[in-house]
C-alpha atoms as a PDB file:
ATOM      1  CA  MET A   1      70.945  23.364   6.336  1.00  0.00           C
ATOM      2  CA  LYS A   2      72.809  24.351   3.163  1.00  0.00           C
ATOM      3  CA  LYS A   3      74.961  21.201   3.485  1.00  0.00           C
ATOM      4  CA  ASN A   4      71.820  19.014   3.744  1.00  0.00           C
ATOM      5  CA  MET A   5      70.349  20.652   0.627  1.00  0.00           C
ATOM      6  CA  MET A   6      73.548  19.936  -1.297  1.00  0.00           C
ATOM      7  CA  LEU A   7      73.459  16.306  -0.139  1.00  0.00           C
ATOM      8  CA  ILE A   8      69.802  15.953  -1.207  1.00  0.00           C
ATOM      9  CA  SER A   9      70.560  17.615  -4.538  1.00  0.00           C
ATOM     10  CA  GLY A  10      73.476  15.211  -5.085  1.00  0.00           C
ATOM     11  CA  LEU A  11      71.293  12.192  -4.269  1.00  0.00           C
ATOM     12  CA  LEU A  12      68.555  13.396  -6.627  1.00  0.00           C
ATOM     13  CA  SER A  13      71.025  13.767  -9.481  1.00  0.00           C
ATOM     14  CA  LEU A  14      72.360  10.274  -8.741  1.00  0.00           C
ATOM     15  CA  PHE A  15      68.859   8.760  -8.967  1.00  0.00           C
ATOM     16  CA  SER A  16      67.884  10.780 -12.040  1.00  0.00           C
ATOM     17  CA  SER A  17      70.914   9.418 -13.922  1.00  0.00           C
ATOM     18  CA  ALA A  18      69.996   5.821 -13.036  1.00  0.00           C
ATOM     19  CA  PRO A  19      68.628   3.695 -15.903  1.00  0.00           C
ATOM     20  CA  GLU A  20      64.903   3.893 -16.489  1.00  0.00           C
ATOM     21  CA  ASP A  21      62.731   1.349 -14.653  1.00  0.00           C
ATOM     22  CA  LYS A  22      62.679  -1.899 -16.642  1.00  0.00           C
ATOM     23  CA  ARG A  23      59.274  -3.243 -15.715  1.00  0.00           C
ATOM     24  CA  PRO A  24      57.923  -5.749 -18.231  1.00  0.00           C
ATOM     25  CA  ARG A  25      55.360  -4.393 -20.637  1.00  0.00           C
ATOM     26  CA  GLU A  26      51.795  -5.620 -20.328  1.00  0.00           C
ATOM     27  CA  MET A  27      50.340  -8.071 -22.813  1.00  0.00           C
ATOM     28  CA  LEU A  28      46.829  -9.313 -23.377  1.00  0.00           C
ATOM     29  CA  VAL A  29      45.912 -12.855 -22.280  1.00  0.00           C
ATOM     30  CA  ALA A  30      42.509 -14.328 -23.174  1.00  0.00           C
ATOM     31  CA  SER A  31      40.516 -17.520 -23.552  1.00  0.00           C
ATOM     32  CA  GLU A  32      37.777 -18.290 -26.047  1.00  0.00           C
ATOM     33  CA  ALA A  33      36.222 -20.546 -23.366  1.00  0.00           C
ATOM     34  CA  PHE A  34      35.650 -17.870 -20.691  1.00  0.00           C
ATOM     35  CA  GLY A  35      36.215 -14.179 -20.108  1.00  0.00           C
ATOM     36  CA  ASN A  36      38.451 -12.478 -17.615  1.00  0.00           C
ATOM     37  CA  ASN A  37      36.916 -12.687 -14.123  1.00  0.00           C
ATOM     38  CA  ALA A  38      34.234 -15.068 -15.448  1.00  0.00           C
ATOM     39  CA  ASP A  39      33.292 -18.654 -14.628  1.00  0.00           C
ATOM     40  CA  ILE A  40      35.461 -21.427 -16.056  1.00  0.00           C
ATOM     41  CA  PRO A  41      33.242 -23.954 -17.889  1.00  0.00           C
ATOM     42  CA  GLU A  42      32.929 -27.341 -16.187  1.00  0.00           C
ATOM     43  CA  LEU A  43      34.629 -29.072 -19.153  1.00  0.00           C
ATOM     44  CA  TYR A  44      37.966 -27.657 -17.920  1.00  0.00           C
ATOM     45  CA  THR A  45      37.548 -28.842 -14.305  1.00  0.00           C
ATOM     46  CA  CYS A  46      37.644 -32.047 -12.264  1.00  0.00           C
ATOM     47  CA  ASN A  47      33.849 -32.209 -12.571  1.00  0.00           C
ATOM     48  CA  GLY A  48      34.116 -32.237 -16.361  1.00  0.00           C
ATOM     49  CA  ARG A  49      36.856 -33.588 -18.644  1.00  0.00           C
ATOM     50  CA  ASN A  50      39.735 -31.891 -16.803  1.00  0.00           C
ATOM     51  CA  TYR A  51      40.958 -30.445 -20.117  1.00  0.00           C
ATOM     52  CA  SER A  52      43.324 -27.510 -20.164  1.00  0.00           C
ATOM     53  CA  PRO A  53      41.384 -24.495 -21.454  1.00  0.00           C
ATOM     54  CA  PRO A  54      42.329 -22.689 -24.650  1.00  0.00           C
ATOM     55  CA  ILE A  55      44.600 -19.747 -23.823  1.00  0.00           C
ATOM     56  CA  SER A  56      45.904 -17.111 -26.229  1.00  0.00           C
ATOM     57  CA  TRP A  57      48.140 -14.099 -25.802  1.00  0.00           C
ATOM     58  CA  GLU A  58      49.423 -11.078 -27.626  1.00  0.00           C
ATOM     59  CA  LYS A  59      52.506 -11.662 -29.805  1.00  0.00           C
ATOM     60  CA  ILE A  60      55.595  -9.917 -28.471  1.00  0.00           C
ATOM     61  CA  ASP A  61      58.009  -9.307 -31.344  1.00  0.00           C
ATOM     62  CA  ASN A  62      61.286  -9.935 -29.510  1.00  0.00           C
ATOM     63  CA  ALA A  63      60.065 -12.911 -27.449  1.00  0.00           C
ATOM     64  CA  VAL A  64      62.271 -15.981 -27.781  1.00  0.00           C
ATOM     65  CA  THR A  65      59.864 -18.112 -25.736  1.00  0.00           C
ATOM     66  CA  TYR A  66      56.732 -17.832 -23.621  1.00  0.00           C
ATOM     67  CA  ALA A  67      55.987 -19.362 -20.235  1.00  0.00           C
ATOM     68  CA  LEU A  68      52.630 -19.924 -18.554  1.00  0.00           C
ATOM     69  CA  ILE A  69      51.336 -20.808 -15.122  1.00  0.00           C
ATOM     70  CA  CYS A  70      47.861 -21.446 -13.742  1.00  0.00           C
ATOM     71  CA  GLU A  71      47.582 -20.987  -9.993  1.00  0.00           C
ATOM     72  CA  ASP A  72      44.834 -20.930  -7.383  1.00  0.00           C
ATOM     73  CA  PRO A  73      45.710 -18.526  -4.538  1.00  0.00           C
ATOM     74  CA  ASP A  74      42.591 -19.545  -2.602  1.00  0.00           C
ATOM     75  CA  ALA A  75      43.688 -23.125  -1.867  1.00  0.00           C
ATOM     76  CA  PRO A  76      43.648 -23.862   1.872  1.00  0.00           C
ATOM     77  CA  ASN A  77      47.346 -24.841   2.077  1.00  0.00           C
ATOM     78  CA  GLY A  78      48.695 -21.927   0.056  1.00  0.00           C
ATOM     79  CA  PRO A  79      48.745 -21.369  -3.712  1.00  0.00           C
ATOM     80  CA  TYR A  80      47.935 -24.502  -5.712  1.00  0.00           C
ATOM     81  CA  ILE A  81      49.770 -24.751  -9.024  1.00  0.00           C
ATOM     82  CA  HIS A  82      47.584 -26.322 -11.712  1.00  0.00           C
ATOM     83  CA  TRP A  83      49.906 -25.933 -14.685  1.00  0.00           C
ATOM     84  CA  ILE A  84      53.431 -24.843 -15.561  1.00  0.00           C
ATOM     85  CA  VAL A  85      54.460 -24.572 -19.214  1.00  0.00           C
ATOM     86  CA  PHE A  86      57.691 -23.042 -20.520  1.00  0.00           C
ATOM     87  CA  ASN A  87      59.873 -22.799 -23.631  1.00  0.00           C
ATOM     88  CA  ILE A  88      56.813 -22.291 -25.811  1.00  0.00           C
ATOM     89  CA  PRO A  89      58.384 -21.045 -29.076  1.00  0.00           C
ATOM     90  CA  GLY A  90      58.209 -17.295 -29.706  1.00  0.00           C
ATOM     91  CA  ASN A  91      56.048 -17.766 -32.818  1.00  0.00           C
ATOM     92  CA  VAL A  92      53.295 -19.561 -30.832  1.00  0.00           C
ATOM     93  CA  THR A  93      50.601 -17.327 -29.335  1.00  0.00           C
ATOM     94  CA  GLN A  94      47.980 -19.805 -28.230  1.00  0.00           C
ATOM     95  CA  LEU A  95      47.434 -23.184 -26.670  1.00  0.00           C
ATOM     96  CA  PRO A  96      44.309 -25.058 -27.762  1.00  0.00           C
ATOM     97  CA  ALA A  97      41.921 -26.784 -25.370  1.00  0.00           C
ATOM     98  CA  GLN A  98      43.382 -30.064 -24.122  1.00  0.00           C
ATOM     99  CA  ALA A  99      46.785 -28.866 -25.335  1.00  0.00           C
ATOM    100  CA  ASP A 100      49.436 -31.422 -26.229  1.00  0.00           C
ATOM    101  CA  ILE A 101      52.500 -29.360 -25.350  1.00  0.00           C
ATOM    102  CA  GLY A 102      55.206 -31.648 -26.817  1.00  0.00           C
ATOM    103  CA  PRO A 103      54.391 -31.097 -30.510  1.00  0.00           C
ATOM    104  CA  ILE A 104      54.033 -27.357 -29.877  1.00  0.00           C
ATOM    105  CA  GLY A 105      57.628 -27.320 -28.664  1.00  0.00           C
ATOM    106  CA  GLY A 106      57.147 -26.413 -24.993  1.00  0.00           C
ATOM    107  CA  ILE A 107      57.799 -28.272 -21.748  1.00  0.00           C
ATOM    108  CA  GLU A 108      55.366 -28.837 -18.891  1.00  0.00           C
ATOM    109  CA  GLY A 109      56.699 -28.477 -15.357  1.00  0.00           C
ATOM    110  CA  THR A 110      55.490 -30.200 -12.214  1.00  0.00           C
ATOM    111  CA  ASN A 111      52.230 -29.015 -10.672  1.00  0.00           C
ATOM    112  CA  THR A 112      51.243 -29.195  -7.005  1.00  0.00           C
ATOM    113  CA  LYS A 113      49.770 -32.659  -7.582  1.00  0.00           C
ATOM    114  CA  GLY A 114      53.299 -33.823  -8.527  1.00  0.00           C
ATOM    115  CA  GLU A 115      52.445 -34.369 -12.200  1.00  0.00           C
ATOM    116  CA  GLN A 116      53.433 -32.805 -15.494  1.00  0.00           C
ATOM    117  CA  GLY A 117      50.488 -31.309 -17.294  1.00  0.00           C
ATOM    118  CA  PHE A 118      47.260 -29.571 -16.410  1.00  0.00           C
ATOM    119  CA  THR A 119      45.093 -30.488 -13.458  1.00  0.00           C
ATOM    120  CA  GLY A 120      41.745 -28.747 -13.532  1.00  0.00           C
ATOM    121  CA  PRO A 121      40.084 -26.639 -10.878  1.00  0.00           C
ATOM    122  CA  CYS A 122      38.533 -28.763  -8.141  1.00  0.00           C
ATOM    123  CA  PRO A 123      37.781 -26.610  -5.099  1.00  0.00           C
ATOM    124  CA  PRO A 124      35.529 -27.645  -2.231  1.00  0.00           C
ATOM    125  CA  ARG A 125      32.027 -26.160  -2.279  1.00  0.00           C
ATOM    126  CA  GLN A 126      33.223 -22.600  -2.616  1.00  0.00           C
ATOM    127  CA  THR A 127      34.476 -20.289  -5.346  1.00  0.00           C
ATOM    128  CA  HIS A 128      38.199 -20.142  -6.086  1.00  0.00           C
ATOM    129  CA  ARG A 129      40.122 -17.867  -8.451  1.00  0.00           C
ATOM    130  CA  TYR A 130      42.440 -19.286 -11.117  1.00  0.00           C
ATOM    131  CA  TYR A 131      45.105 -16.979 -12.527  1.00  0.00           C
ATOM    132  CA  PHE A 132      46.551 -17.766 -15.939  1.00  0.00           C
ATOM    133  CA  THR A 133      49.763 -15.746 -16.258  1.00  0.00           C
ATOM    134  CA  VAL A 134      51.799 -15.677 -19.465  1.00  0.00           C
ATOM    135  CA  TRP A 135      55.304 -14.245 -19.713  1.00  0.00           C
ATOM    136  CA  ALA A 136      57.251 -13.344 -22.849  1.00  0.00           C
ATOM    137  CA  LEU A 137      60.915 -14.185 -22.287  1.00  0.00           C
ATOM    138  CA  ASP A 138      64.147 -13.169 -23.975  1.00  0.00           C
ATOM    139  CA  THR A 139      65.601 -16.709 -23.745  1.00  0.00           C
ATOM    140  CA  ARG A 140      64.887 -20.430 -23.458  1.00  0.00           C
ATOM    141  CA  LEU A 141      64.857 -21.629 -19.862  1.00  0.00           C
ATOM    142  CA  ASN A 142      67.347 -24.355 -18.979  1.00  0.00           C
ATOM    143  CA  LEU A 143      64.878 -26.348 -16.854  1.00  0.00           C
ATOM    144  CA  SER A 144      63.511 -29.875 -16.904  1.00  0.00           C
ATOM    145  CA  SER A 145      59.956 -31.116 -16.578  1.00  0.00           C
ATOM    146  CA  SER A 146      60.630 -31.829 -12.903  1.00  0.00           C
ATOM    147  CA  VAL A 147      60.781 -28.097 -12.154  1.00  0.00           C
ATOM    148  CA  THR A 148      58.338 -26.840  -9.521  1.00  0.00           C
ATOM    149  CA  VAL A 149      56.932 -23.351  -9.040  1.00  0.00           C
ATOM    150  CA  THR A 150      59.665 -21.615  -7.015  1.00  0.00           C
ATOM    151  CA  PRO A 151      62.667 -22.571  -9.195  1.00  0.00           C
ATOM    152  CA  PHE A 152      60.503 -21.951 -12.283  1.00  0.00           C
ATOM    153  CA  LYS A 153      59.636 -18.392 -11.220  1.00  0.00           C
ATOM    154  CA  ASN A 154      63.217 -17.703 -10.096  1.00  0.00           C
ATOM    155  CA  ALA A 155      64.581 -18.836 -13.481  1.00  0.00           C
ATOM    156  CA  LEU A 156      62.182 -16.769 -15.566  1.00  0.00           C
ATOM    157  CA  ARG A 157      62.204 -13.562 -13.505  1.00  0.00           C
ATOM    158  CA  PRO A 158      65.368 -11.979 -15.018  1.00  0.00           C
ATOM    159  CA  HIS A 159      64.209 -12.757 -18.568  1.00  0.00           C
ATOM    160  CA  VAL A 160      60.669 -11.328 -18.576  1.00  0.00           C
ATOM    161  CA  ILE A 161      60.049  -8.720 -21.285  1.00  0.00           C
ATOM    162  CA  ALA A 162      56.244  -8.748 -21.111  1.00  0.00           C
ATOM    163  CA  GLU A 163      53.562 -10.347 -18.978  1.00  0.00           C
ATOM    164  CA  GLY A 164      49.816 -10.671 -18.891  1.00  0.00           C
ATOM    165  CA  VAL A 165      47.236 -12.357 -16.725  1.00  0.00           C
ATOM    166  CA  MET A 166      43.617 -13.375 -16.869  1.00  0.00           C
ATOM    167  CA  MET A 167      41.549 -14.839 -14.074  1.00  0.00           C
ATOM    168  CA  GLY A 168      38.714 -17.338 -14.125  1.00  0.00           C
ATOM    169  CA  ARG A 169      36.512 -18.543 -11.278  1.00  0.00           C
ATOM    170  CA  TYR A 170      35.127 -21.937 -10.440  1.00  0.00           C
ATOM    171  CA  THR A 171      32.809 -23.049  -7.658  1.00  0.00           C
ATOM    172  CA  GLY A 172      33.219 -26.625  -6.454  1.00  0.00           C
ATOM    173  CA  LYS A 173      30.359 -29.087  -6.231  1.00  0.00           C
END
């Protein structure tokens, strides 16, 4: 019994000397077009103009770049990626409605539709959730516009210093 206690004590001291958990800090993500957990206006959907909505986020002082994704986890064939944007310069904290990413300095990846850019919510006659996640990164990502969701997330994961998410809903017509 004494030997087991010494072993447990040794393991506890090993874990207590390990570096502190390095989870990314939380940051605020918002849209002037809709609130968190609220309905996305039709303008930003396939039934409207299919514009990307305005998205803003909290400035993270040591961020080199930001990355963003919009995904629908309720799609029948698994998560549907509506938008991938990365290498947004660290001094940029918002994307306007119908954002033109090139002049801002970012790159748009390839969505589930096989296109670069935003494709608006367009669910069948039911309500889907759309998560807009923004990450603050400590580097520029060495990716091209042909990048899809899995390599995108794998590339950014080790560089995340902060992250935030907001969710909008849309019911198809």
